Amino acid sequence: MNPAAGGGRSRNLLPSALDRLRAGGLAVEIAETQSPGQASQIAGDAYRRGVQNFIAVGGDGTSYEIVNGLYPQALGGEPPTLGFLPLGTGNSFLRDFSHHGVEHAIEALLAGRRRACDVLRLRHRDGVIHYINLLSVGFAADVATLRARRFSSWGEPGYVASIFLTLARFNRRPFPVRAEGETEFDNRRCLFLSFNNSKFTGGTMMIAPKAEIDDGLVEYVRWGPIGRLGLIRNLSTLYDGTHIDHPLAERKAVRRLEFNLDAPVDVMVDGEVLTLHCEELDVLPGALQVLV
């Protein structure tokens, strides 16, 4: 549990949710984080003790930390299970399955609705990270970085404010990447690149409308150097997924991608903002069970 999620709302909302879970027959042990990154340590230690079932209480960042506590050590064994209680600012991953947030999550936990989920693995110059939602560079990461640094307590309005401030700067640049089967790196300038396992980000933005969490593939979405006015006119399409029909947009489903970056870049990964020198991205098919 991240007690700071949602500006502290997580702590206040948890007792009633726990009462419902326990009334439904679930035995739940609470582990509260005190600092960023601690959920990874807690989950990793618990897995080594034999714990197989986890619930992320908070937003996307909490589940991201749990996933990175479980992997890579969980590889080769029976896939652990991850459920969600989105009591923080939101959970984009869950929107693939329902818009009802906490209520849907509780129903899934009580019903034990398990589904196989791929885990995406990014190797970077200083190590490796794992994620289940998406990783973006360019405009989407710039928006997330600005929101994290200036509007972290604003909720959904913080995303909107960050979008328009990022529009004012509007930095379109290349991120050299090569998908499997291609011989050359793509060095074209772009608005953003997104490497997805699920459809949504930022709460309600459907960046990858064709993504599936269990197909063993990375859904790769690229939007080329659209102009500022063109983006403003098409901004609503980021919310219904029709941006991939734009002439400057491309998408493909692949198992592996390579990067040829000159330096580290800001990335947004499952609600977290990091600066990484990305090198290679691939998929761990069905490595996790999710309760959705």
Protein backbone atom coordinates (compact mmCIF):
# COMPACT_ATOMS: atom_id res chain seq x y z
CA MET A 1 0.00 0.00 0.00
CA ASN A 2 1.20 3.48 -0.95
CA PRO A 3 -0.32 5.74 1.75
CA ALA A 4 0.58 8.86 -0.26
CA ALA A 5 -1.35 7.78 -3.37
CA GLY A 6 -4.06 10.19 -4.41
CA GLY A 7 -2.80 12.87 -2.03
CA GLY A 8 -3.39 10.57 0.93
CA ARG A 9 -6.86 9.36 -0.13
CA SER A 10 -5.53 5.82 -0.36
CA ARG A 11 -5.11 5.52 3.40
CA ASN A 12 -8.65 6.79 4.07
CA LEU A 13 -10.34 4.56 1.50
CA LEU A 14 -8.51 1.34 2.29
CA PRO A 15 -10.37 0.17 5.46
CA SER A 16 -13.77 -0.18 3.77
CA ALA A 17 -12.22 -1.97 0.77
CA LEU A 18 -10.40 -4.38 3.10
CA ASP A 19 -13.62 -5.08 5.00
CA ARG A 20 -15.27 -6.17 1.75
CA LEU A 21 -12.34 -8.38 0.75
CA ARG A 22 -12.14 -10.05 4.14
CA ALA A 23 -15.91 -10.51 4.26
CA GLY A 24 -15.52 -12.31 0.93
CA GLY A 25 -13.06 -14.78 2.44
CA LEU A 26 -9.71 -13.25 1.46
CA ALA A 27 -6.90 -13.18 4.01
CA VAL A 28 -4.98 -9.94 3.43
CA GLU A 29 -1.68 -8.86 4.98
CA ILE A 30 -0.93 -5.12 4.73
CA ALA A 31 2.55 -3.81 3.95
CA GLU A 32 2.74 0.00 3.85
CA THR A 33 5.50 1.77 1.92
CA GLN A 34 7.38 4.67 3.44
CA SER A 35 9.45 5.81 0.46
CA PRO A 36 9.64 5.50 -3.34
CA GLY A 37 10.91 2.11 -4.48
CA GLN A 38 10.09 0.32 -1.24
CA ALA A 39 7.21 -1.65 -2.78
CA SER A 40 9.78 -3.44 -4.94
CA GLN A 41 11.75 -4.50 -1.89
CA ILE A 42 8.62 -5.60 -0.01
CA ALA A 43 7.30 -7.63 -2.96
CA GLY A 44 10.69 -9.20 -3.67
CA ASP A 45 11.19 -10.23 -0.04
CA ALA A 46 7.67 -11.67 0.15
CA TYR A 47 8.11 -13.66 -3.05
CA ARG A 48 11.29 -15.20 -1.66
CA ARG A 49 9.26 -16.26 1.40
CA GLY A 50 6.84 -18.08 -0.89
CA VAL A 51 4.12 -15.43 -1.32
CA GLN A 52 2.47 -15.73 -4.76
CA ASN A 53 -0.47 -13.31 -4.56
CA PHE A 54 -0.11 -9.52 -4.41
CA ILE A 55 -2.44 -6.50 -4.49
CA ALA A 56 -1.23 -3.06 -5.53
CA VAL A 57 -3.01 -0.43 -3.41
CA GLY A 58 -2.43 2.90 -5.10
CA GLY A 59 -1.92 3.94 -8.70
CA ASP A 60 0.03 2.61 -11.67
CA GLY A 61 3.31 3.45 -9.95
CA THR A 62 2.59 1.04 -7.09
CA SER A 63 1.95 -1.91 -9.42
CA TYR A 64 5.07 -0.94 -11.40
CA GLU A 65 7.19 -1.20 -8.25
CA ILE A 66 5.66 -4.56 -7.33
CA VAL A 67 6.37 -5.94 -10.80
CA ASN A 68 10.00 -4.85 -10.51
CA GLY A 69 10.27 -6.56 -7.15
CA LEU A 70 8.99 -9.82 -8.64
CA TYR A 71 11.12 -9.83 -11.79
CA PRO A 72 13.49 -11.15 -12.89
CA GLN A 73 13.50 -13.54 -9.92
CA ALA A 74 10.01 -14.92 -10.75
CA LEU A 75 11.11 -16.07 -14.21
CA GLY A 76 11.11 -19.83 -14.63
CA GLY A 77 8.67 -20.47 -11.80
CA GLU A 78 4.89 -20.44 -11.59
CA PRO A 79 3.69 -16.94 -12.53
CA PRO A 80 2.78 -14.83 -9.49
CA THR A 81 -0.60 -13.08 -9.35
CA LEU A 82 -1.20 -9.33 -9.14
CA GLY A 83 -4.51 -7.67 -8.26
CA PHE A 84 -5.30 -3.98 -7.95
CA LEU A 85 -7.04 -1.56 -5.61
CA PRO A 86 -6.76 1.78 -7.46
CA LEU A 87 -7.31 4.04 -4.47
CA GLY A 88 -4.82 6.65 -5.66
CA THR A 89 -4.89 8.89 -8.72
CA GLY A 90 -5.98 6.04 -10.98
CA ASN A 91 -4.91 2.88 -12.72
CA SER A 92 -4.57 3.08 -16.51
CA PHE A 93 -3.93 -0.67 -16.82
CA LEU A 94 -7.36 -1.54 -15.42
CA ARG A 95 -9.13 0.64 -18.00
CA ASP A 96 -8.53 -2.09 -20.58
CA PHE A 97 -11.16 -4.09 -18.69
CA SER A 98 -13.50 -1.59 -17.02
CA HIS A 99 -14.11 2.11 -16.40
CA HIS A 100 -15.45 1.39 -12.91
CA GLY A 101 -12.11 1.43 -11.13
CA VAL A 102 -12.24 0.34 -7.51
CA GLU A 103 -15.60 -1.44 -7.79
CA HIS A 104 -14.42 -3.56 -10.73
CA ALA A 105 -11.11 -4.29 -8.98
CA ILE A 106 -12.84 -5.54 -5.82
CA GLU A 107 -15.19 -7.73 -7.86
CA ALA A 108 -12.23 -9.22 -9.73
CA LEU A 109 -10.38 -9.96 -6.48
CA LEU A 110 -13.40 -11.61 -4.86
CA ALA A 111 -14.16 -13.65 -7.98
CA GLY A 112 -10.53 -14.63 -8.51
CA ARG A 113 -10.72 -13.65 -12.20
CA ARG A 114 -7.18 -14.48 -13.31
CA ARG A 115 -5.81 -13.73 -16.75
CA ALA A 116 -2.35 -14.30 -18.22
CA CYS A 117 -0.40 -11.10 -18.74
CA ASP A 118 2.83 -10.47 -20.61
CA VAL A 119 5.64 -8.57 -18.89
CA LEU A 120 7.74 -6.23 -21.01
CA ARG A 121 11.45 -6.05 -20.26
CA LEU A 122 13.62 -3.03 -21.04
CA ARG A 123 17.37 -3.37 -20.88
CA HIS A 124 19.15 -0.04 -20.43
CA ARG A 125 22.77 0.93 -19.93
CA ASP A 126 22.53 0.73 -16.14
CA GLY A 127 20.32 -2.32 -15.71
CA VAL A 128 16.86 -3.66 -16.52
CA ILE A 129 13.26 -2.71 -15.72
CA HIS A 130 9.97 -4.58 -16.23
CA TYR A 131 6.49 -3.20 -16.86
CA ILE A 132 2.94 -4.24 -17.78
CA ASN A 133 1.36 -1.04 -19.13
CA LEU A 134 3.49 1.08 -21.43
CA LEU A 135 6.73 2.97 -21.91
CA SER A 136 6.82 6.22 -23.90
CA VAL A 137 9.44 8.69 -25.09
CA GLY A 138 8.84 12.08 -26.66
CA PHE A 139 5.64 14.08 -26.15
CA ALA A 140 3.91 11.56 -23.87
CA ALA A 141 6.99 11.28 -21.64
CA ASP A 142 7.44 15.07 -21.66
CA VAL A 143 3.84 15.45 -20.44
CA ALA A 144 4.35 12.83 -17.72
CA THR A 145 7.65 14.38 -16.62
CA LEU A 146 6.11 17.83 -16.33
CA ARG A 147 3.11 16.45 -14.45
CA ALA A 148 5.35 14.55 -12.01
CA ARG A 149 7.48 17.61 -11.31
CA ARG A 150 4.78 20.29 -11.14
CA PHE A 151 1.26 18.84 -11.02
CA SER A 152 1.53 15.52 -9.19
CA SER A 153 -1.32 16.35 -6.79
CA TRP A 154 -3.76 17.64 -9.42
CA GLY A 155 -5.14 14.31 -10.64
CA GLU A 156 -6.71 14.32 -14.13
CA PRO A 157 -6.52 18.16 -14.48
CA GLY A 158 -2.77 17.81 -13.99
CA TYR A 159 -2.54 15.75 -17.17
CA VAL A 160 -4.49 18.37 -19.12
CA ALA A 161 -2.36 21.24 -17.82
CA SER A 162 0.82 19.32 -18.61
CA ILE A 163 -0.39 18.60 -22.15
CA PHE A 164 -0.92 22.26 -22.95
CA LEU A 165 2.34 23.42 -21.38
CA THR A 166 4.22 20.74 -23.33
CA LEU A 167 2.46 21.94 -26.47
CA ALA A 168 3.96 25.37 -25.89
CA ARG A 169 7.48 23.88 -25.95
CA PHE A 170 6.72 21.27 -28.63
CA ASN A 171 10.01 19.42 -29.03
CA ARG A 172 9.88 16.90 -31.90
CA ARG A 173 13.06 14.85 -32.24
CA PRO A 174 14.39 11.46 -33.33
CA PHE A 175 14.68 8.41 -31.07
CA PRO A 176 16.54 5.87 -33.25
CA VAL A 177 14.83 2.49 -32.92
CA ARG A 178 14.81 -0.73 -34.93
CA ALA A 179 12.03 -3.31 -34.71
CA GLU A 180 12.65 -7.01 -35.32
CA GLY A 181 12.87 -7.79 -39.01
CA GLU A 182 14.15 -4.33 -39.94
CA THR A 183 17.70 -3.73 -41.15
CA GLU A 184 18.02 -0.01 -40.41
CA PHE A 185 17.33 2.17 -37.39
CA ASP A 186 14.45 4.61 -37.81
CA ASN A 187 16.06 8.04 -37.34
CA ARG A 188 13.05 10.14 -38.33
CA ARG A 189 11.86 12.92 -36.07
CA CYS A 190 8.64 12.15 -34.25
CA LEU A 191 6.17 13.52 -31.75
CA PHE A 192 6.35 10.37 -29.62
CA LEU A 193 7.09 6.66 -29.58
CA SER A 194 5.13 4.35 -27.30
CA PHE A 195 5.85 0.69 -26.48
CA ASN A 196 2.70 -0.83 -25.07
CA ASN A 197 1.34 -3.91 -23.38
CA SER A 198 -2.08 -2.36 -22.64
CA LYS A 199 -4.18 0.36 -24.21
CA PHE A 200 -4.43 3.33 -21.83
CA THR A 201 -2.17 5.89 -20.19
CA GLY A 202 -2.76 9.07 -18.22
CA GLY A 203 -6.01 7.67 -16.93
CA THR A 204 -8.05 7.97 -20.12
CA MET A 205 -5.68 8.37 -23.09
CA MET A 206 -5.97 5.36 -25.41
CA ILE A 207 -2.46 5.45 -26.85
CA ALA A 208 -2.46 1.84 -28.13
CA PRO A 209 -6.02 0.83 -29.06
CA LYS A 210 -4.91 -2.49 -30.59
CA ALA A 211 -2.73 -3.63 -27.67
CA GLU A 212 -3.48 -6.95 -25.96
CA ILE A 213 -1.92 -7.94 -22.65
CA ASP A 214 -1.51 -11.61 -23.53
CA ASP A 215 -0.45 -11.74 -27.20
CA GLY A 216 3.31 -12.01 -26.57
CA LEU A 217 3.93 -8.78 -28.50
CA VAL A 218 4.91 -5.16 -27.95
CA GLU A 219 2.38 -2.79 -29.51
CA TYR A 220 4.64 -0.10 -30.98
CA VAL A 221 2.96 3.23 -31.80
CA ARG A 222 4.78 6.08 -33.55
CA TRP A 223 3.39 9.52 -34.34
CA GLY A 224 5.56 11.49 -36.73
CA PRO A 225 6.39 15.23 -36.66
CA ILE A 226 2.85 16.58 -36.68
CA GLY A 227 2.64 20.37 -36.30
CA ARG A 228 1.40 22.12 -33.19
CA LEU A 229 -1.89 23.19 -34.79
CA GLY A 230 -2.38 19.73 -36.24
CA LEU A 231 -1.87 18.14 -32.82
CA ILE A 232 -4.33 20.55 -31.19
CA ARG A 233 -6.91 19.68 -33.82
CA ASN A 234 -6.28 15.97 -33.30
CA LEU A 235 -5.77 16.00 -29.53
CA SER A 236 -9.12 14.36 -28.86
CA THR A 237 -8.09 11.39 -31.00
CA LEU A 238 -5.53 10.43 -28.33
CA TYR A 239 -8.48 9.68 -26.05
CA ASP A 240 -10.46 7.46 -28.42
CA GLY A 241 -7.51 5.78 -30.13
CA THR A 242 -8.21 7.14 -33.61
CA HIS A 243 -4.86 8.97 -33.70
CA ILE A 244 -3.37 5.80 -35.21
CA ASP A 245 -5.40 6.55 -38.37
CA HIS A 246 -3.57 9.85 -38.88
CA PRO A 247 -1.29 9.91 -41.98
CA LEU A 248 1.76 10.54 -39.77
CA ALA A 249 0.96 7.71 -37.36
CA GLU A 250 2.20 4.12 -37.50
CA ARG A 251 1.71 1.03 -35.37
CA LYS A 252 3.09 -2.48 -35.41
CA ALA A 253 3.15 -5.49 -33.10
CA VAL A 254 6.61 -6.99 -32.58
CA ARG A 255 8.51 -9.19 -30.13
CA ARG A 256 11.70 -7.15 -29.87
CA LEU A 257 13.10 -3.66 -30.51
CA GLU A 258 16.57 -2.12 -30.28
CA PHE A 259 17.53 1.48 -29.52
CA ASN A 260 20.51 3.48 -30.76
CA LEU A 261 20.34 6.56 -28.53
CA ASP A 262 23.19 9.03 -28.12
CA ALA A 263 22.32 9.78 -24.50
CA PRO A 264 19.76 9.00 -21.79
CA VAL A 265 16.22 10.31 -22.36
CA ASP A 266 13.19 10.93 -20.18
CA VAL A 267 10.78 7.99 -20.33
CA MET A 268 7.35 7.47 -18.84
CA VAL A 269 6.82 3.89 -17.74
CA ASP A 270 3.64 2.76 -15.96
CA GLY A 271 3.08 6.15 -14.36
CA GLU A 272 6.71 6.62 -13.32
CA VAL A 273 9.15 9.10 -14.86
CA LEU A 274 12.74 7.92 -15.32
CA THR A 275 15.79 8.99 -17.29
CA LEU A 276 17.32 5.98 -19.05
CA HIS A 277 19.74 5.10 -21.81
CA CYS A 278 17.48 2.52 -23.48
CA GLU A 279 19.11 -0.37 -25.36
CA GLU A 280 16.69 -3.28 -25.96
CA LEU A 281 13.03 -4.11 -25.36
CA ASP A 282 11.45 -7.57 -25.46
CA VAL A 283 8.51 -9.57 -24.06
CA LEU A 284 8.17 -12.21 -21.35
CA PRO A 285 4.97 -13.94 -22.57
CA GLY A 286 2.43 -14.80 -19.88
CA ALA A 287 4.94 -14.23 -17.10
CA LEU A 288 2.31 -12.75 -14.74
CA GLN A 289 -1.28 -13.50 -13.75
CA VAL A 290 -3.48 -10.46 -13.23
CA LEU A 291 -6.82 -10.26 -11.45
CA VAL A 292 -9.05 -8.24 -13.74
